[in-house]
PDB file of N, CA and C in Angstrom:
ATOM      1  N   MET A   1     -31.487  58.876 -47.135  1.00  0.00           N
ATOM      2  CA  MET A   1     -30.387  57.915 -47.014  1.00  0.00           C
ATOM      3  C   MET A   1     -29.675  58.190 -48.269  1.00  0.00           C
ATOM      4  N   SER A   2     -28.220  57.994 -48.133  1.00  0.00           N
ATOM      5  CA  SER A   2     -27.460  58.376 -49.223  1.00  0.00           C
ATOM      6  C   SER A   2     -27.255  57.123 -50.123  1.00  0.00           C
ATOM      7  N   LYS A   3     -26.687  57.338 -51.395  1.00  0.00           N
ATOM      8  CA  LYS A   3     -26.540  56.275 -52.388  1.00  0.00           C
ATOM      9  C   LYS A   3     -25.729  55.172 -51.835  1.00  0.00           C
ATOM     10  N   LEU A   4     -24.684  55.338 -51.047  1.00  0.00           N
ATOM     11  CA  LEU A   4     -23.744  54.311 -50.367  1.00  0.00           C
ATOM     12  C   LEU A   4     -24.780  53.513 -49.523  1.00  0.00           C
ATOM     13  N   GLY A   5     -25.411  54.252 -48.650  1.00  0.00           N
ATOM     14  CA  GLY A   5     -26.377  53.583 -47.638  1.00  0.00           C
ATOM     15  C   GLY A   5     -27.377  52.616 -48.195  1.00  0.00           C
ATOM     16  N   ARG A   6     -28.042  52.976 -49.389  1.00  0.00           N
ATOM     17  CA  ARG A   6     -28.801  52.095 -50.073  1.00  0.00           C
ATOM     18  C   ARG A   6     -28.156  50.992 -50.690  1.00  0.00           C
ATOM     19  N   THR A   7     -27.050  51.225 -51.296  1.00  0.00           N
ATOM     20  CA  THR A   7     -26.225  50.088 -51.950  1.00  0.00           C
ATOM     21  C   THR A   7     -25.773  49.025 -50.752  1.00  0.00           C
ATOM     22  N   LEU A   8     -25.346  49.546 -49.736  1.00  0.00           N
ATOM     23  CA  LEU A   8     -24.901  48.618 -48.507  1.00  0.00           C
ATOM     24  C   LEU A   8     -26.161  47.861 -47.902  1.00  0.00           C
ATOM     25  N   THR A   9     -27.400  48.646 -47.936  1.00  0.00           N
ATOM     26  CA  THR A   9     -28.515  48.015 -47.348  1.00  0.00           C
ATOM     27  C   THR A   9     -28.986  46.845 -48.441  1.00  0.00           C
ATOM     28  N   ILE A  10     -28.938  47.236 -49.618  1.00  0.00           N
ATOM     29  CA  ILE A  10     -29.301  46.053 -50.684  1.00  0.00           C
ATOM     30  C   ILE A  10     -28.319  45.039 -50.520  1.00  0.00           C
ATOM     31  N   ILE A  11     -27.094  45.062 -50.411  1.00  0.00           N
ATOM     32  CA  ILE A  11     -26.143  43.986 -50.422  1.00  0.00           C
ATOM     33  C   ILE A  11     -26.144  43.177 -49.326  1.00  0.00           C
ATOM     34  N   PHE A  12     -26.404  43.851 -48.012  1.00  0.00           N
ATOM     35  CA  PHE A  12     -26.555  43.225 -46.749  1.00  0.00           C
ATOM     36  C   PHE A  12     -27.926  42.246 -46.796  1.00  0.00           C
ATOM     37  N   LEU A  13     -28.881  42.824 -47.361  1.00  0.00           N
ATOM     38  CA  LEU A  13     -30.382  42.052 -47.404  1.00  0.00           C
ATOM     39  C   LEU A  13     -30.091  40.905 -48.425  1.00  0.00           C
ATOM     40  N   LEU A  14     -29.488  41.124 -49.349  1.00  0.00           N
ATOM     41  CA  LEU A  14     -29.196  40.088 -50.352  1.00  0.00           C
ATOM     42  C   LEU A  14     -28.436  38.852 -49.516  1.00  0.00           C
ATOM     43  N   ALA A  15     -27.377  39.292 -49.146  1.00  0.00           N
ATOM     44  CA  ALA A  15     -26.556  38.388 -48.302  1.00  0.00           C
ATOM     45  C   ALA A  15     -27.245  37.610 -47.289  1.00  0.00           C
ATOM     46  N   LEU A  16     -28.122  38.468 -46.550  1.00  0.00           N
ATOM     47  CA  LEU A  16     -28.904  37.873 -45.491  1.00  0.00           C
ATOM     48  C   LEU A  16     -29.826  36.776 -46.141  1.00  0.00           C
ATOM     49  N   LEU A  17     -30.334  36.832 -47.244  1.00  0.00           N
ATOM     50  CA  LEU A  17     -31.288  35.967 -47.920  1.00  0.00           C
ATOM     51  C   LEU A  17     -30.451  34.844 -48.311  1.00  0.00           C
ATOM     52  N   LEU A  18     -29.523  35.055 -49.201  1.00  0.00           N
ATOM     53  CA  LEU A  18     -28.744  34.051 -49.737  1.00  0.00           C
ATOM     54  C   LEU A  18     -27.782  33.205 -48.842  1.00  0.00           C
ATOM     55  N   GLY A  19     -27.376  33.774 -47.769  1.00  0.00           N
ATOM     56  CA  GLY A  19     -26.369  33.117 -46.989  1.00  0.00           C
ATOM     57  C   GLY A  19     -27.079  31.846 -46.315  1.00  0.00           C
ATOM     58  N   PRO A  20     -28.125  31.992 -45.286  1.00  0.00           N
ATOM     59  CA  PRO A  20     -28.517  30.849 -44.634  1.00  0.00           C
ATOM     60  C   PRO A  20     -29.895  30.488 -45.269  1.00  0.00           C
ATOM     61  N   GLY A  21     -30.382  31.157 -46.065  1.00  0.00           N
ATOM     62  CA  GLY A  21     -31.785  30.844 -46.840  1.00  0.00           C
ATOM     63  C   GLY A  21     -31.607  30.009 -48.041  1.00  0.00           C
ATOM     64  N   PRO A  22     -32.410  30.201 -48.962  1.00  0.00           N
ATOM     65  CA  PRO A  22     -32.677  29.475 -50.294  1.00  0.00           C
ATOM     66  C   PRO A  22     -31.340  29.159 -50.975  1.00  0.00           C
ATOM     67  N   GLY A  23     -30.414  30.155 -50.792  1.00  0.00           N
ATOM     68  CA  GLY A  23     -29.225  30.208 -51.478  1.00  0.00           C
ATOM     69  C   GLY A  23     -28.433  28.909 -51.114  1.00  0.00           C
ATOM     70  N   SER A  24     -28.454  28.518 -49.686  1.00  0.00           N
ATOM     71  CA  SER A  24     -27.735  27.279 -49.351  1.00  0.00           C
ATOM     72  C   SER A  24     -28.252  26.112 -49.853  1.00  0.00           C
ATOM     73  N   MET A  25     -29.583  26.000 -50.329  1.00  0.00           N
ATOM     74  CA  MET A  25     -30.152  24.811 -50.982  1.00  0.00           C
ATOM     75  C   MET A  25     -29.625  24.737 -52.395  1.00  0.00           C
ATOM     76  N   LEU A  26     -29.107  25.640 -53.031  1.00  0.00           N
ATOM     77  CA  LEU A  26     -28.684  25.632 -54.269  1.00  0.00           C
ATOM     78  C   LEU A  26     -27.298  24.914 -54.397  1.00  0.00           C
ATOM     79  N   ILE A  27     -26.398  25.027 -53.328  1.00  0.00           N
ATOM     80  CA  ILE A  27     -25.254  24.450 -53.405  1.00  0.00           C
ATOM     81  C   ILE A  27     -24.894  23.223 -52.517  1.00  0.00           C
ATOM     82  N   ASP A  28     -25.802  22.749 -51.639  1.00  0.00           N
ATOM     83  CA  ASP A  28     -25.586  21.873 -50.590  1.00  0.00           C
ATOM     84  C   ASP A  28     -25.338  20.541 -51.031  1.00  0.00           C
ATOM     85  N   GLY A  29     -26.039  20.141 -52.333  1.00  0.00           N
ATOM     86  CA  GLY A  29     -25.927  18.573 -52.585  1.00  0.00           C
ATOM     87  C   GLY A  29     -26.959  17.909 -51.939  1.00  0.00           C
ATOM     88  N   SER A  30     -26.713  16.697 -51.754  1.00  0.00           N
ATOM     89  CA  SER A  30     -27.646  15.760 -51.156  1.00  0.00           C
ATOM     90  C   SER A  30     -27.185  15.109 -49.867  1.00  0.00           C
ATOM     91  N   ALA A  31     -28.226  14.612 -49.221  1.00  0.00           N
ATOM     92  CA  ALA A  31     -27.624  13.936 -47.923  1.00  0.00           C
ATOM     93  C   ALA A  31     -26.729  12.679 -48.254  1.00  0.00           C
ATOM     94  N   ASP A  32     -26.881  12.043 -49.299  1.00  0.00           N
ATOM     95  CA  ASP A  32     -25.988  10.972 -49.679  1.00  0.00           C
ATOM     96  C   ASP A  32     -24.611  11.508 -50.188  1.00  0.00           C
ATOM     97  N   GLU A  33     -24.677  12.519 -50.978  1.00  0.00           N
ATOM     98  CA  GLU A  33     -23.417  13.100 -51.490  1.00  0.00           C
ATOM     99  C   GLU A  33     -23.288  14.546 -51.408  1.00  0.00           C
ATOM    100  N   PRO A  34     -22.799  14.972 -50.235  1.00  0.00           N
ATOM    101  CA  PRO A  34     -22.778  16.499 -49.974  1.00  0.00           C
ATOM    102  C   PRO A  34     -21.783  17.169 -50.918  1.00  0.00           C
ATOM    103  N   ALA A  35     -21.946  18.453 -51.216  1.00  0.00           N
ATOM    104  CA  ALA A  35     -21.063  18.951 -52.015  1.00  0.00           C
ATOM    105  C   ALA A  35     -19.861  19.410 -51.339  1.00  0.00           C
ATOM    106  N   ILE A  36     -18.547  19.152 -51.799  1.00  0.00           N
ATOM    107  CA  ILE A  36     -17.381  19.389 -51.159  1.00  0.00           C
ATOM    108  C   ILE A  36     -16.510  20.297 -52.184  1.00  0.00           C
ATOM    109  N   TRP A  37     -16.086  21.524 -51.688  1.00  0.00           N
ATOM    110  CA  TRP A  37     -15.203  22.302 -52.467  1.00  0.00           C
ATOM    111  C   TRP A  37     -13.817  22.508 -51.783  1.00  0.00           C
ATOM    112  N   PHE A  38     -12.862  22.115 -52.428  1.00  0.00           N
ATOM    113  CA  PHE A  38     -11.465  22.304 -51.776  1.00  0.00           C
ATOM    114  C   PHE A  38     -11.372  21.425 -50.658  1.00  0.00           C
ATOM    115  N   GLY A  39     -12.080  20.271 -50.476  1.00  0.00           N
ATOM    116  CA  GLY A  39     -11.968  19.511 -49.387  1.00  0.00           C
ATOM    117  C   GLY A  39     -12.686  19.917 -48.119  1.00  0.00           C
ATOM    118  N   ILE A  40     -13.597  20.823 -48.342  1.00  0.00           N
ATOM    119  CA  ILE A  40     -14.238  21.414 -47.278  1.00  0.00           C
ATOM    120  C   ILE A  40     -15.806  21.392 -47.699  1.00  0.00           C
ATOM    121  N   PRO A  41     -16.635  21.080 -46.712  1.00  0.00           N
ATOM    122  CA  PRO A  41     -18.247  20.975 -47.164  1.00  0.00           C
ATOM    123  C   PRO A  41     -18.465  22.369 -47.653  1.00  0.00           C
ATOM    124  N   ALA A  42     -19.176  22.396 -48.951  1.00  0.00           N
ATOM    125  CA  ALA A  42     -19.680  23.498 -49.620  1.00  0.00           C
ATOM    126  C   ALA A  42     -20.584  24.591 -48.688  1.00  0.00           C
ATOM    127  N   LEU A  43     -21.389  23.742 -47.913  1.00  0.00           N
ATOM    128  CA  LEU A  43     -22.227  24.701 -47.108  1.00  0.00           C
ATOM    129  C   LEU A  43     -21.369  25.683 -46.103  1.00  0.00           C
ATOM    130  N   TYR A  44     -20.486  25.188 -45.530  1.00  0.00           N
ATOM    131  CA  TYR A  44     -19.553  25.742 -44.576  1.00  0.00           C
ATOM    132  C   TYR A  44     -19.003  27.049 -45.488  1.00  0.00           C
ATOM    133  N   ILE A  45     -18.323  26.821 -46.669  1.00  0.00           N
ATOM    134  CA  ILE A  45     -17.707  27.830 -47.380  1.00  0.00           C
ATOM    135  C   ILE A  45     -18.836  28.908 -47.878  1.00  0.00           C
ATOM    136  N   TRP A  46     -19.885  28.353 -48.122  1.00  0.00           N
ATOM    137  CA  TRP A  46     -20.982  29.257 -48.514  1.00  0.00           C
ATOM    138  C   TRP A  46     -21.507  30.266 -47.420  1.00  0.00           C
ATOM    139  N   ALA A  47     -21.496  29.713 -46.278  1.00  0.00           N
ATOM    140  CA  ALA A  47     -21.938  30.557 -45.150  1.00  0.00           C
ATOM    141  C   ALA A  47     -20.778  31.447 -44.853  1.00  0.00           C
ATOM    142  N   LEU A  48     -19.655  31.009 -45.019  1.00  0.00           N
ATOM    143  CA  LEU A  48     -18.364  31.907 -44.600  1.00  0.00           C
ATOM    144  C   LEU A  48     -18.316  33.159 -45.533  1.00  0.00           C
ATOM    145  N   ILE A  49     -18.411  32.744 -46.917  1.00  0.00           N
ATOM    146  CA  ILE A  49     -18.400  33.891 -47.946  1.00  0.00           C
ATOM    147  C   ILE A  49     -19.440  34.901 -47.635  1.00  0.00           C
ATOM    148  N   TRP A  50     -20.618  34.612 -47.200  1.00  0.00           N
ATOM    149  CA  TRP A  50     -21.766  35.558 -46.996  1.00  0.00           C
ATOM    150  C   TRP A  50     -21.435  36.191 -45.681  1.00  0.00           C
ATOM    151  N   PHE A  51     -20.975  35.676 -44.807  1.00  0.00           N
ATOM    152  CA  PHE A  51     -20.701  36.299 -43.459  1.00  0.00           C
ATOM    153  C   PHE A  51     -19.514  37.338 -43.827  1.00  0.00           C
ATOM    154  N   VAL A  52     -18.631  37.121 -44.537  1.00  0.00           N
ATOM    155  CA  VAL A  52     -17.498  38.247 -44.969  1.00  0.00           C
ATOM    156  C   VAL A  52     -18.259  39.313 -45.747  1.00  0.00           C
ATOM    157  N   VAL A  53     -19.157  38.944 -46.483  1.00  0.00           N
ATOM    158  CA  VAL A  53     -19.871  40.172 -47.231  1.00  0.00           C
ATOM    159  C   VAL A  53     -20.714  40.949 -46.218  1.00  0.00           C
ATOM    160  N   MET A  54     -21.481  40.258 -45.346  1.00  0.00           N
ATOM    161  CA  MET A  54     -22.204  41.095 -44.443  1.00  0.00           C
ATOM    162  C   MET A  54     -21.317  41.876 -43.505  1.00  0.00           C
ATOM    163  N   SER A  55     -20.308  41.230 -43.049  1.00  0.00           N
ATOM    164  CA  SER A  55     -19.255  42.101 -42.131  1.00  0.00           C
ATOM    165  C   SER A  55     -18.597  43.190 -42.814  1.00  0.00           C
ATOM    166  N   THR A  56     -18.235  43.111 -44.160  1.00  0.00           N
ATOM    167  CA  THR A  56     -17.746  44.147 -44.946  1.00  0.00           C
ATOM    168  C   THR A  56     -18.724  45.246 -45.094  1.00  0.00           C
ATOM    169  N   CYS A  57     -19.960  44.845 -45.253  1.00  0.00           N
ATOM    170  CA  CYS A  57     -21.061  46.055 -45.221  1.00  0.00           C
ATOM    171  C   CYS A  57     -21.179  46.717 -43.973  1.00  0.00           C
ATOM    172  N   VAL A  58     -21.039  45.940 -42.764  1.00  0.00           N
ATOM    173  CA  VAL A  58     -21.225  46.635 -41.511  1.00  0.00           C
ATOM    174  C   VAL A  58     -19.934  47.650 -41.224  1.00  0.00           C
ATOM    175  N   VAL A  59     -18.702  47.043 -41.521  1.00  0.00           N
ATOM    176  CA  VAL A  59     -17.678  47.950 -41.283  1.00  0.00           C
ATOM    177  C   VAL A  59     -17.520  49.031 -42.232  1.00  0.00           C
ATOM    178  N   THR A  60     -18.064  48.875 -43.363  1.00  0.00           N
ATOM    179  CA  THR A  60     -17.952  50.043 -44.243  1.00  0.00           C
ATOM    180  C   THR A  60     -19.006  51.089 -43.848  1.00  0.00           C
ATOM    181  N   ALA A  61     -20.158  50.659 -43.465  1.00  0.00           N
ATOM    182  CA  ALA A  61     -21.143  51.537 -42.917  1.00  0.00           C
ATOM    183  C   ALA A  61     -20.530  52.360 -41.575  1.00  0.00           C
ATOM    184  N   ALA A  62     -19.979  51.579 -40.756  1.00  0.00           N
ATOM    185  CA  ALA A  62     -19.409  52.186 -39.699  1.00  0.00           C
ATOM    186  C   ALA A  62     -18.381  53.272 -39.793  1.00  0.00           C
ATOM    187  N   LEU A  63     -17.534  53.006 -40.773  1.00  0.00           N
ATOM    188  CA  LEU A  63     -16.460  53.947 -41.151  1.00  0.00           C
ATOM    189  C   LEU A  63     -16.860  55.065 -42.012  1.00  0.00           C
ATOM    190  N   THR A  64     -17.984  54.925 -42.692  1.00  0.00           N
ATOM    191  CA  THR A  64     -18.331  55.953 -43.637  1.00  0.00           C
ATOM    192  C   THR A  64     -19.620  56.652 -43.295  1.00  0.00           C
ATOM    193  N   LEU A  65     -20.807  55.864 -42.881  1.00  0.00           N
ATOM    194  CA  LEU A  65     -22.109  56.554 -42.606  1.00  0.00           C
ATOM    195  C   LEU A  65     -22.335  56.728 -41.224  1.00  0.00           C
ATOM    196  N   TRP A  66     -21.899  55.827 -40.324  1.00  0.00           N
ATOM    197  CA  TRP A  66     -22.343  56.007 -39.011  1.00  0.00           C
ATOM    198  C   TRP A  66     -21.386  56.880 -37.983  1.00  0.00           C
ATOM    199  N   ASN A  67     -20.531  57.486 -38.725  1.00  0.00           N
ATOM    200  CA  ASN A  67     -19.635  58.373 -37.681  1.00  0.00           C
ATOM    201  C   ASN A  67     -20.234  59.675 -37.479  1.00  0.00           C
ATOM    202  N   ASN A  68     -19.958  60.272 -36.326  1.00  0.00           N
ATOM    203  CA  ASN A  68     -20.648  61.511 -35.828  1.00  0.00           C
ATOM    204  C   ASN A  68     -19.616  62.648 -35.724  1.00  0.00           C
ATOM    205  N   HIS A  69     -19.227  63.097 -36.744  1.00  0.00           N
ATOM    206  CA  HIS A  69     -18.318  64.211 -36.771  1.00  0.00           C
ATOM    207  C   HIS A  69     -18.953  65.509 -36.755  1.00  0.00           C
ATOM    208  N   GLU A  70     -19.162  66.131 -35.682  1.00  0.00           N
ATOM    209  CA  GLU A  70     -20.005  67.424 -35.580  1.00  0.00           C
ATOM    210  C   GLU A  70     -18.943  68.684 -35.568  1.00  0.00           C
TER     211      GLU A  70
END
C-alpha cells in the first residue's frame, strides 16, 4: 500500500469514528439545550463535515489509487 493509500485509510477511519460515533457526543449539547451553530443544529453540521471528509477520501482514492491504466 502506498503512503497516500495509508494516509487516506487513516483519515477515513478517523472520520468514520468521529462522525457518527463518540465525536458526536462531544458537540451535541443536552436534550434540554441542544448546541446550535449558525442557526443550525450542531449535530447536523458535524455529520455533514465528516461526510465531506469521507467523500473527499473516496474521490481522491478513485482518481489516484484505483485507476487501472495498463
